[in-house]
PDB file of all heavy atoms in Angstrom:
ATOM      1  N   GLU A   1       0.901  -1.197   0.008  1.00  0.00           N
ATOM      2  CA  GLU A   1      -0.026  -0.045  -0.064  1.00  0.00           C
ATOM      3  C   GLU A   1       0.926   1.272  -0.010  1.00  0.00           C
ATOM      4  O   GLU A   1       1.864   1.371   0.747  1.00  0.00           O
ATOM      5  CB  GLU A   1      -0.933   0.053   1.293  1.00  0.00           C
ATOM      6  CG  GLU A   1      -1.837   1.311   1.301  1.00  0.00           C
ATOM      7  CD  GLU A   1      -2.752   1.276   2.481  1.00  0.00           C
ATOM      8  OE1 GLU A   1      -2.615   0.316   3.334  1.00  0.00           O
ATOM      9  OE2 GLU A   1      -3.530   2.178   2.591  1.00  0.00           O
ATOM     10  N   ASP A   2       0.481   2.180  -0.774  1.00  0.00           N
ATOM     11  CA  ASP A   2       1.244   3.468  -0.946  1.00  0.00           C
ATOM     12  C   ASP A   2       0.866   4.399   0.193  1.00  0.00           C
ATOM     13  O   ASP A   2       0.233   5.454  -0.013  1.00  0.00           O
ATOM     14  CB  ASP A   2       0.856   4.039  -2.333  1.00  0.00           C
ATOM     15  CG  ASP A   2       1.925   5.151  -2.706  1.00  0.00           C
ATOM     16  OD1 ASP A   2       2.868   5.344  -1.933  1.00  0.00           O
ATOM     17  OD2 ASP A   2       1.730   5.756  -3.856  1.00  0.00           O
ATOM     18  N   THR A   3       1.303   4.059   1.455  1.00  0.00           N
ATOM     19  CA  THR A   3       0.942   4.853   2.575  1.00  0.00           C
ATOM     20  C   THR A   3       1.866   6.158   2.637  1.00  0.00           C
ATOM     21  O   THR A   3       2.894   6.116   2.078  1.00  0.00           O
ATOM     22  CB  THR A   3       1.144   4.103   3.859  1.00  0.00           C
ATOM     23  OG1 THR A   3       2.480   3.560   3.832  1.00  0.00           O
ATOM     24  CG2 THR A   3       0.111   2.992   4.102  1.00  0.00           C
ATOM     25  N   PRO A   4       1.269   7.204   3.201  1.00  0.00           N
ATOM     26  CA  PRO A   4       2.016   8.517   3.240  1.00  0.00           C
ATOM     27  C   PRO A   4       3.326   8.416   3.977  1.00  0.00           C
ATOM     28  O   PRO A   4       3.470   7.726   5.033  1.00  0.00           O
ATOM     29  CB  PRO A   4       1.022   9.464   4.017  1.00  0.00           C
ATOM     30  CG  PRO A   4      -0.315   8.820   3.938  1.00  0.00           C
ATOM     31  CD  PRO A   4      -0.060   7.356   3.880  1.00  0.00           C
ATOM     32  N   ILE A   5       4.422   9.018   3.447  1.00  0.00           N
ATOM     33  CA  ILE A   5       5.662   9.177   4.084  1.00  0.00           C
ATOM     34  C   ILE A   5       5.657  10.242   5.029  1.00  0.00           C
ATOM     35  O   ILE A   5       5.335  11.371   4.675  1.00  0.00           O
ATOM     36  CB  ILE A   5       6.833   9.315   3.114  1.00  0.00           C
ATOM     37  CG1 ILE A   5       6.880   8.000   2.258  1.00  0.00           C
ATOM     38  CG2 ILE A   5       8.119   9.553   3.742  1.00  0.00           C
ATOM     39  CD1 ILE A   5       7.847   8.125   1.102  1.00  0.00           C
ATOM     40  N   ARG A   6       6.026  10.042   6.373  1.00  0.00           N
ATOM     41  CA  ARG A   6       6.153  11.188   7.281  1.00  0.00           C
ATOM     42  C   ARG A   6       7.658  11.229   7.586  1.00  0.00           C
ATOM     43  O   ARG A   6       8.339  10.189   7.843  1.00  0.00           O
ATOM     44  CB  ARG A   6       5.342  10.839   8.553  1.00  0.00           C
ATOM     45  CG  ARG A   6       3.816  10.867   8.265  1.00  0.00           C
ATOM     46  CD  ARG A   6       3.034  10.832   9.562  1.00  0.00           C
ATOM     47  NE  ARG A   6       1.619  10.759   9.323  1.00  0.00           N
ATOM     48  CZ  ARG A   6       0.759  10.560  10.336  1.00  0.00           C
ATOM     49  NH1 ARG A   6       1.123  10.540  11.509  1.00  0.00           N
ATOM     50  NH2 ARG A   6      -0.542  10.459   9.962  1.00  0.00           N
ATOM     51  N   PHE A   7       8.100  12.448   7.681  1.00  0.00           N
ATOM     52  CA  PHE A   7       9.517  12.697   7.972  1.00  0.00           C
ATOM     53  C   PHE A   7       9.959  12.247   9.396  1.00  0.00           C
ATOM     54  O   PHE A   7       9.276  12.549  10.337  1.00  0.00           O
ATOM     55  CB  PHE A   7       9.934  14.142   7.714  1.00  0.00           C
ATOM     56  CG  PHE A   7       9.690  14.578   6.316  1.00  0.00           C
ATOM     57  CD1 PHE A   7       8.842  15.689   6.013  1.00  0.00           C
ATOM     58  CD2 PHE A   7      10.259  13.922   5.223  1.00  0.00           C
ATOM     59  CE1 PHE A   7       8.644  16.120   4.734  1.00  0.00           C
ATOM     60  CE2 PHE A   7      10.067  14.388   3.941  1.00  0.00           C
ATOM     61  CZ  PHE A   7       9.229  15.474   3.685  1.00  0.00           C
ATOM     62  N   GLY A   8      11.107  11.565   9.449  1.00  0.00           N
ATOM     63  CA  GLY A   8      11.661  11.141  10.732  1.00  0.00           C
ATOM     64  C   GLY A   8      10.998   9.965  11.374  1.00  0.00           C
ATOM     65  O   GLY A   8      11.199   9.764  12.612  1.00  0.00           O
ATOM     66  N   THR A   9      10.327   9.204  10.626  1.00  0.00           N
ATOM     67  CA  THR A   9       9.744   7.962  11.168  1.00  0.00           C
ATOM     68  C   THR A   9       9.917   6.827  10.249  1.00  0.00           C
ATOM     69  O   THR A   9       9.568   6.987   9.048  1.00  0.00           O
ATOM     70  CB  THR A   9       8.227   8.087  11.578  1.00  0.00           C
ATOM     71  OG1 THR A   9       7.679   6.834  11.767  1.00  0.00           O
ATOM     72  CG2 THR A   9       7.414   8.867  10.448  1.00  0.00           C
ATOM     73  N   PRO A  10      10.253   5.673  10.721  1.00  0.00           N
ATOM     74  CA  PRO A  10      10.254   4.475   9.805  1.00  0.00           C
ATOM     75  C   PRO A  10       8.879   3.798   9.661  1.00  0.00           C
ATOM     76  O   PRO A  10       8.803   2.646   9.234  1.00  0.00           O
ATOM     77  CB  PRO A  10      11.259   3.511  10.577  1.00  0.00           C
ATOM     78  CG  PRO A  10      11.199   3.875  12.010  1.00  0.00           C
ATOM     79  CD  PRO A  10      10.823   5.451  11.980  1.00  0.00           C
ATOM     80  N   ALA A  11       7.860   4.380  10.223  1.00  0.00           N
ATOM     81  CA  ALA A  11       6.539   4.048   9.978  1.00  0.00           C
ATOM     82  C   ALA A  11       6.019   2.868  10.787  1.00  0.00           C
ATOM     83  O   ALA A  11       6.073   2.918  12.007  1.00  0.00           O
ATOM     84  CB  ALA A  11       6.245   3.847   8.426  1.00  0.00           C
ATOM     85  N   PHE A  12       5.708   1.783  10.056  1.00  0.00           N
ATOM     86  CA  PHE A  12       4.831   0.650  10.653  1.00  0.00           C
ATOM     87  C   PHE A  12       5.651  -0.531  10.816  1.00  0.00           C
ATOM     88  O   PHE A  12       6.551  -0.870  10.146  1.00  0.00           O
ATOM     89  CB  PHE A  12       3.638   0.448   9.752  1.00  0.00           C
ATOM     90  CG  PHE A  12       2.963   1.622   9.265  1.00  0.00           C
ATOM     91  CD1 PHE A  12       2.970   1.956   7.944  1.00  0.00           C
ATOM     92  CD2 PHE A  12       2.244   2.450  10.087  1.00  0.00           C
ATOM     93  CE1 PHE A  12       2.279   3.034   7.385  1.00  0.00           C
ATOM     94  CE2 PHE A  12       1.560   3.581   9.584  1.00  0.00           C
ATOM     95  CZ  PHE A  12       1.625   3.840   8.250  1.00  0.00           C
ATOM     96  N   PRO A  13       5.136  -1.372  11.766  1.00  0.00           N
ATOM     97  CA  PRO A  13       5.721  -2.809  11.918  1.00  0.00           C
ATOM     98  C   PRO A  13       5.544  -3.488  10.674  1.00  0.00           C
ATOM     99  O   PRO A  13       4.612  -3.450   9.985  1.00  0.00           O
ATOM    100  CB  PRO A  13       4.914  -3.429  13.017  1.00  0.00           C
ATOM    101  CG  PRO A  13       4.321  -2.294  13.872  1.00  0.00           C
ATOM    102  CD  PRO A  13       4.072  -1.132  12.822  1.00  0.00           C
ATOM    103  N   VAL A  14       6.732  -4.088  10.290  1.00  0.00           N
ATOM    104  CA  VAL A  14       6.662  -4.955   9.012  1.00  0.00           C
ATOM    105  C   VAL A  14       5.970  -6.227   9.282  1.00  0.00           C
ATOM    106  O   VAL A  14       5.972  -6.786  10.369  1.00  0.00           O
ATOM    107  CB  VAL A  14       8.144  -5.118   8.560  1.00  0.00           C
ATOM    108  CG1 VAL A  14       8.270  -6.274   7.524  1.00  0.00           C
ATOM    109  CG2 VAL A  14       8.678  -3.833   8.048  1.00  0.00           C
ATOM    110  N   PHE A  15       5.314  -6.742   8.245  1.00  0.00           N
ATOM    111  CA  PHE A  15       4.672  -8.012   8.230  1.00  0.00           C
ATOM    112  C   PHE A  15       5.488  -9.045   8.964  1.00  0.00           C
ATOM    113  O   PHE A  15       6.708  -9.129   8.690  1.00  0.00           O
ATOM    114  CB  PHE A  15       4.197  -8.543   6.844  1.00  0.00           C
ATOM    115  CG  PHE A  15       5.267  -8.481   5.791  1.00  0.00           C
ATOM    116  CD1 PHE A  15       6.074  -9.590   5.557  1.00  0.00           C
ATOM    117  CD2 PHE A  15       5.544  -7.275   5.085  1.00  0.00           C
ATOM    118  CE1 PHE A  15       7.080  -9.609   4.618  1.00  0.00           C
ATOM    119  CE2 PHE A  15       6.527  -7.252   4.168  1.00  0.00           C
ATOM    120  CZ  PHE A  15       7.357  -8.365   3.892  1.00  0.00           C
ATOM    121  N   GLY A  16       4.917  -9.888   9.819  1.00  0.00           N
ATOM    122  CA  GLY A  16       5.604 -10.940  10.513  1.00  0.00           C
ATOM    123  C   GLY A  16       6.154 -10.538  11.921  1.00  0.00           C
ATOM    124  O   GLY A  16       6.397 -11.439  12.664  1.00  0.00           O
ATOM    125  N   TYR A  17       6.282  -9.250  12.098  1.00  0.00           N
ATOM    126  CA  TYR A  17       6.875  -8.871  13.389  1.00  0.00           C
ATOM    127  C   TYR A  17       5.634  -8.338  14.282  1.00  0.00           C
ATOM    128  O   TYR A  17       5.042  -7.302  14.006  1.00  0.00           O
ATOM    129  CB  TYR A  17       7.831  -7.638  13.148  1.00  0.00           C
ATOM    130  CG  TYR A  17       9.194  -7.943  12.574  1.00  0.00           C
ATOM    131  CD1 TYR A  17       9.346  -7.866  11.160  1.00  0.00           C
ATOM    132  CD2 TYR A  17      10.229  -8.411  13.398  1.00  0.00           C
ATOM    133  CE1 TYR A  17      10.523  -8.213  10.571  1.00  0.00           C
ATOM    134  CE2 TYR A  17      11.447  -8.655  12.837  1.00  0.00           C
ATOM    135  CZ  TYR A  17      11.567  -8.593  11.428  1.00  0.00           C
ATOM    136  OH  TYR A  17      12.791  -8.897  10.850  1.00  0.00           O
ATOM    137  N   ASN A  18       5.421  -9.050  15.298  1.00  0.00           N
ATOM    138  CA  ASN A  18       4.401  -8.685  16.287  1.00  0.00           C
ATOM    139  C   ASN A  18       5.061  -7.624  17.308  1.00  0.00           C
ATOM    140  O   ASN A  18       5.395  -7.969  18.363  1.00  0.00           O
ATOM    141  CB  ASN A  18       3.799  -9.875  17.111  1.00  0.00           C
ATOM    142  CG  ASN A  18       2.623  -9.615  17.941  1.00  0.00           C
ATOM    143  OD1 ASN A  18       2.156  -8.349  17.858  1.00  0.00           O
ATOM    144  ND2 ASN A  18       2.131 -10.587  18.608  1.00  0.00           N
ATOM    145  N   LEU A  19       5.322  -6.455  16.679  1.00  0.00           N
ATOM    146  CA  LEU A  19       6.133  -5.411  17.387  1.00  0.00           C
ATOM    147  C   LEU A  19       5.163  -4.556  18.259  1.00  0.00           C
ATOM    148  O   LEU A  19       4.201  -4.099  17.709  1.00  0.00           O
ATOM    149  CB  LEU A  19       6.799  -4.659  16.341  1.00  0.00           C
ATOM    150  CG  LEU A  19       7.844  -3.578  16.862  1.00  0.00           C
ATOM    151  CD1 LEU A  19       9.113  -3.471  15.855  1.00  0.00           C
ATOM    152  CD2 LEU A  19       7.238  -2.227  16.904  1.00  0.00           C
ATOM    153  N   LYS A  20       5.713  -4.313  19.433  1.00  0.00           N
ATOM    154  CA  LYS A  20       4.989  -3.458  20.349  1.00  0.00           C
ATOM    155  C   LYS A  20       5.905  -2.525  21.076  1.00  0.00           C
ATOM    156  O   LYS A  20       7.160  -2.835  21.178  1.00  0.00           O
ATOM    157  CB  LYS A  20       4.138  -4.260  21.365  1.00  0.00           C
ATOM    158  CG  LYS A  20       3.104  -5.244  20.672  1.00  0.00           C
ATOM    159  CD  LYS A  20       2.425  -6.079  21.784  1.00  0.00           C
ATOM    160  CE  LYS A  20       1.486  -7.079  21.003  1.00  0.00           C
ATOM    161  NZ  LYS A  20       0.312  -6.426  20.288  1.00  0.00           N
ATOM    162  N   ILE A  21       5.404  -1.484  21.754  1.00  0.00           N
ATOM    163  CA  ILE A  21       6.249  -0.673  22.642  1.00  0.00           C
ATOM    164  C   ILE A  21       5.861  -0.993  24.028  1.00  0.00           C
ATOM    165  O   ILE A  21       4.679  -0.997  24.483  1.00  0.00           O
ATOM    166  CB  ILE A  21       5.891   0.832  22.402  1.00  0.00           C
ATOM    167  CG1 ILE A  21       6.059   1.135  20.899  1.00  0.00           C
ATOM    168  CG2 ILE A  21       6.925   1.782  23.218  1.00  0.00           C
ATOM    169  CD1 ILE A  21       7.393   1.162  20.265  1.00  0.00           C
ATOM    170  N   PHE A  22       6.885  -1.328  24.928  1.00  0.00           N
ATOM    171  CA  PHE A  22       6.633  -1.879  26.211  1.00  0.00           C
ATOM    172  C   PHE A  22       7.115  -0.943  27.305  1.00  0.00           C
ATOM    173  O   PHE A  22       8.176  -0.336  27.176  1.00  0.00           O
ATOM    174  CB  PHE A  22       7.314  -3.205  26.420  1.00  0.00           C
ATOM    175  CG  PHE A  22       6.718  -4.303  25.602  1.00  0.00           C
ATOM    176  CD1 PHE A  22       7.246  -4.640  24.313  1.00  0.00           C
ATOM    177  CD2 PHE A  22       5.589  -5.125  26.045  1.00  0.00           C
ATOM    178  CE1 PHE A  22       6.722  -5.679  23.583  1.00  0.00           C
ATOM    179  CE2 PHE A  22       5.088  -6.135  25.302  1.00  0.00           C
ATOM    180  CZ  PHE A  22       5.670  -6.362  24.101  1.00  0.00           C
ATOM    181  N   ARG A  23       6.354  -0.836  28.416  1.00  0.00           N
ATOM    182  CA  ARG A  23       6.795  -0.148  29.636  1.00  0.00           C
ATOM    183  C   ARG A  23       7.887  -1.126  30.266  1.00  0.00           C
ATOM    184  O   ARG A  23       7.967  -2.333  29.958  1.00  0.00           O
ATOM    185  CB  ARG A  23       5.693   0.163  30.598  1.00  0.00           C
ATOM    186  CG  ARG A  23       4.721   0.952  29.922  1.00  0.00           C
ATOM    187  CD  ARG A  23       3.554   1.397  31.095  1.00  0.00           C
ATOM    188  NE  ARG A  23       2.461   2.160  30.501  1.00  0.00           N
ATOM    189  CZ  ARG A  23       1.315   1.630  30.120  1.00  0.00           C
ATOM    190  NH1 ARG A  23       1.110   0.327  30.322  1.00  0.00           N
ATOM    191  NH2 ARG A  23       0.419   2.390  29.627  1.00  0.00           N
ATOM    192  N   GLU A  24       8.585  -0.625  31.193  1.00  0.00           N
ATOM    193  CA  GLU A  24       9.627  -1.421  31.850  1.00  0.00           C
ATOM    194  C   GLU A  24       9.075  -2.483  32.750  1.00  0.00           C
ATOM    195  O   GLU A  24       9.836  -3.385  33.271  1.00  0.00           O
ATOM    196  CB  GLU A  24      10.658  -0.463  32.571  1.00  0.00           C
ATOM    197  CG  GLU A  24      11.438   0.282  31.668  1.00  0.00           C
ATOM    198  CD  GLU A  24      12.473   1.178  32.318  1.00  0.00           C
ATOM    199  OE1 GLU A  24      13.565   0.708  32.713  1.00  0.00           O
ATOM    200  OE2 GLU A  24      12.171   2.455  32.467  1.00  0.00           O
ATOM    201  N   ASP A  25       7.756  -2.510  32.999  1.00  0.00           N
ATOM    202  CA  ASP A  25       7.100  -3.531  33.780  1.00  0.00           C
ATOM    203  C   ASP A  25       6.635  -4.643  32.870  1.00  0.00           C
ATOM    204  O   ASP A  25       5.954  -5.583  33.379  1.00  0.00           O
ATOM    205  CB  ASP A  25       6.055  -3.033  34.751  1.00  0.00           C
ATOM    206  CG  ASP A  25       4.897  -2.378  34.011  1.00  0.00           C
ATOM    207  OD1 ASP A  25       4.833  -2.380  32.734  1.00  0.00           O
ATOM    208  OD2 ASP A  25       3.986  -1.944  34.630  1.00  0.00           O
ATOM    209  N   GLY A  26       6.728  -4.506  31.560  1.00  0.00           N
ATOM    210  CA  GLY A  26       6.238  -5.460  30.672  1.00  0.00           C
ATOM    211  C   GLY A  26       4.864  -5.226  30.076  1.00  0.00           C
ATOM    212  O   GLY A  26       4.403  -5.940  29.162  1.00  0.00           O
ATOM    213  N   SER A  27       4.185  -4.239  30.537  1.00  0.00           N
ATOM    214  CA  SER A  27       2.934  -3.866  29.962  1.00  0.00           C
ATOM    215  C   SER A  27       3.070  -3.030  28.692  1.00  0.00           C
ATOM    216  O   SER A  27       4.189  -2.407  28.476  1.00  0.00           O
ATOM    217  CB  SER A  27       2.066  -3.022  31.010  1.00  0.00           C
ATOM    218  OG  SER A  27       2.701  -1.883  31.410  1.00  0.00           O
ATOM    219  N   GLU A  28       2.115  -3.006  27.883  1.00  0.00           N
ATOM    220  CA  GLU A  28       2.148  -2.255  26.599  1.00  0.00           C
ATOM    221  C   GLU A  28       1.896  -0.805  26.790  1.00  0.00           C
ATOM    222  O   GLU A  28       0.904  -0.445  27.477  1.00  0.00           O
ATOM    223  CB  GLU A  28       1.185  -2.879  25.606  1.00  0.00           C
ATOM    224  CG  GLU A  28       1.483  -2.470  24.208  1.00  0.00           C
ATOM    225  CD  GLU A  28       0.598  -3.166  23.145  1.00  0.00           C
ATOM    226  OE1 GLU A  28      -0.020  -4.221  23.511  1.00  0.00           O
ATOM    227  OE2 GLU A  28       0.472  -2.647  22.005  1.00  0.00           O
ATOM    228  N   CYS A  29       2.732   0.011  26.113  1.00  0.00           N
ATOM    229  CA  CYS A  29       2.489   1.528  26.199  1.00  0.00           C
ATOM    230  C   CYS A  29       1.309   1.953  25.427  1.00  0.00           C
ATOM    231  O   CYS A  29       0.931   1.364  24.441  1.00  0.00           O
ATOM    232  CB  CYS A  29       3.758   2.184  25.586  1.00  0.00           C
ATOM    233  SG  CYS A  29       5.208   2.069  26.593  1.00  0.00           S
ATOM    234  N   ASP A  30       0.760   3.083  25.815  1.00  0.00           N
ATOM    235  CA  ASP A  30      -0.231   3.711  25.075  1.00  0.00           C
ATOM    236  C   ASP A  30       0.352   4.520  24.012  1.00  0.00           C
ATOM    237  O   ASP A  30       1.594   4.728  23.899  1.00  0.00           O
ATOM    238  CB  ASP A  30      -1.063   4.655  25.963  1.00  0.00           C
ATOM    239  CG  ASP A  30      -1.785   3.903  27.087  1.00  0.00           C
ATOM    240  OD1 ASP A  30      -2.285   2.762  26.735  1.00  0.00           O
ATOM    241  OD2 ASP A  30      -1.975   4.433  28.204  1.00  0.00           O
ATOM    242  N   ALA A  31      -0.448   5.048  23.022  1.00  0.00           N
ATOM    243  CA  ALA A  31       0.081   5.896  22.028  1.00  0.00           C
ATOM    244  C   ALA A  31       0.767   7.114  22.631  1.00  0.00           C
ATOM    245  O   ALA A  31       0.369   7.672  23.734  1.00  0.00           O
ATOM    246  CB  ALA A  31      -1.081   6.429  21.092  1.00  0.00           C
ATOM    247  N   ASN A  32       1.845   7.575  22.012  1.00  0.00           N
ATOM    248  CA  ASN A  32       2.699   8.727  22.423  1.00  0.00           C
ATOM    249  C   ASN A  32       3.334   8.511  23.748  1.00  0.00           C
ATOM    250  O   ASN A  32       3.739   9.448  24.438  1.00  0.00           O
ATOM    251  CB  ASN A  32       1.802  10.037  22.371  1.00  0.00           C
ATOM    252  CG  ASN A  32       1.345  10.314  21.024  1.00  0.00           C
ATOM    253  OD1 ASN A  32       2.132  10.312  20.039  1.00  0.00           O
ATOM    254  ND2 ASN A  32      -0.007  10.479  20.970  1.00  0.00           N
ATOM    255  N   GLU A  33       3.452   7.245  24.196  1.00  0.00           N
ATOM    256  CA  GLU A  33       4.199   7.039  25.520  1.00  0.00           C
ATOM    257  C   GLU A  33       5.482   6.233  25.134  1.00  0.00           C
ATOM    258  O   GLU A  33       5.510   5.257  24.371  1.00  0.00           O
ATOM    259  CB  GLU A  33       3.286   6.104  26.334  1.00  0.00           C
ATOM    260  CG  GLU A  33       3.930   5.809  27.742  1.00  0.00           C
ATOM    261  CD  GLU A  33       3.024   4.901  28.551  1.00  0.00           C
ATOM    262  OE1 GLU A  33       1.903   4.547  28.079  1.00  0.00           O
ATOM    263  OE2 GLU A  33       3.532   4.459  29.631  1.00  0.00           O
ATOM    264  N   LYS A  34       6.626   6.819  25.607  1.00  0.00           N
ATOM    265  CA  LYS A  34       7.902   6.280  25.343  1.00  0.00           C
ATOM    266  C   LYS A  34       8.149   4.840  26.052  1.00  0.00           C
ATOM    267  O   LYS A  34       7.834   4.775  27.203  1.00  0.00           O
ATOM    268  CB  LYS A  34       9.032   7.195  25.736  1.00  0.00           C
ATOM    269  CG  LYS A  34      10.350   6.707  25.397  1.00  0.00           C
ATOM    270  CD  LYS A  34      11.505   7.770  25.500  1.00  0.00           C
ATOM    271  CE  LYS A  34      11.752   8.084  26.967  1.00  0.00           C
ATOM    272  NZ  LYS A  34      12.847   9.085  27.076  1.00  0.00           N
ATOM    273  N   GLY A  35       8.580   3.898  25.296  1.00  0.00           N
ATOM    274  CA  GLY A  35       8.989   2.621  25.922  1.00  0.00           C
ATOM    275  C   GLY A  35       9.963   1.872  25.156  1.00  0.00           C
ATOM    276  O   GLY A  35      10.635   2.478  24.255  1.00  0.00           O
ATOM    277  N   ILE A  36      10.103   0.608  25.452  1.00  0.00           N
ATOM    278  CA  ILE A  36      11.118  -0.315  24.787  1.00  0.00           C
ATOM    279  C   ILE A  36      10.428  -0.925  23.579  1.00  0.00           C
ATOM    280  O   ILE A  36       9.453  -1.549  23.663  1.00  0.00           O
ATOM    281  CB  ILE A  36      11.660  -1.226  25.775  1.00  0.00           C
ATOM    282  CG1 ILE A  36      12.380  -0.449  26.975  1.00  0.00           C
ATOM    283  CG2 ILE A  36      12.792  -2.138  25.062  1.00  0.00           C
ATOM    284  CD1 ILE A  36      12.686  -1.333  28.164  1.00  0.00           C
TER     285      ILE A  36
END
């Protein structure tokens, strides 16, 4: 899909990667929340 390019971001998780942003306690971060 020809999704819009936004500057300074590698965009979306690639197919096959169940990628998430995690807090340091192992829970999943909300949008705009920094994590691992």
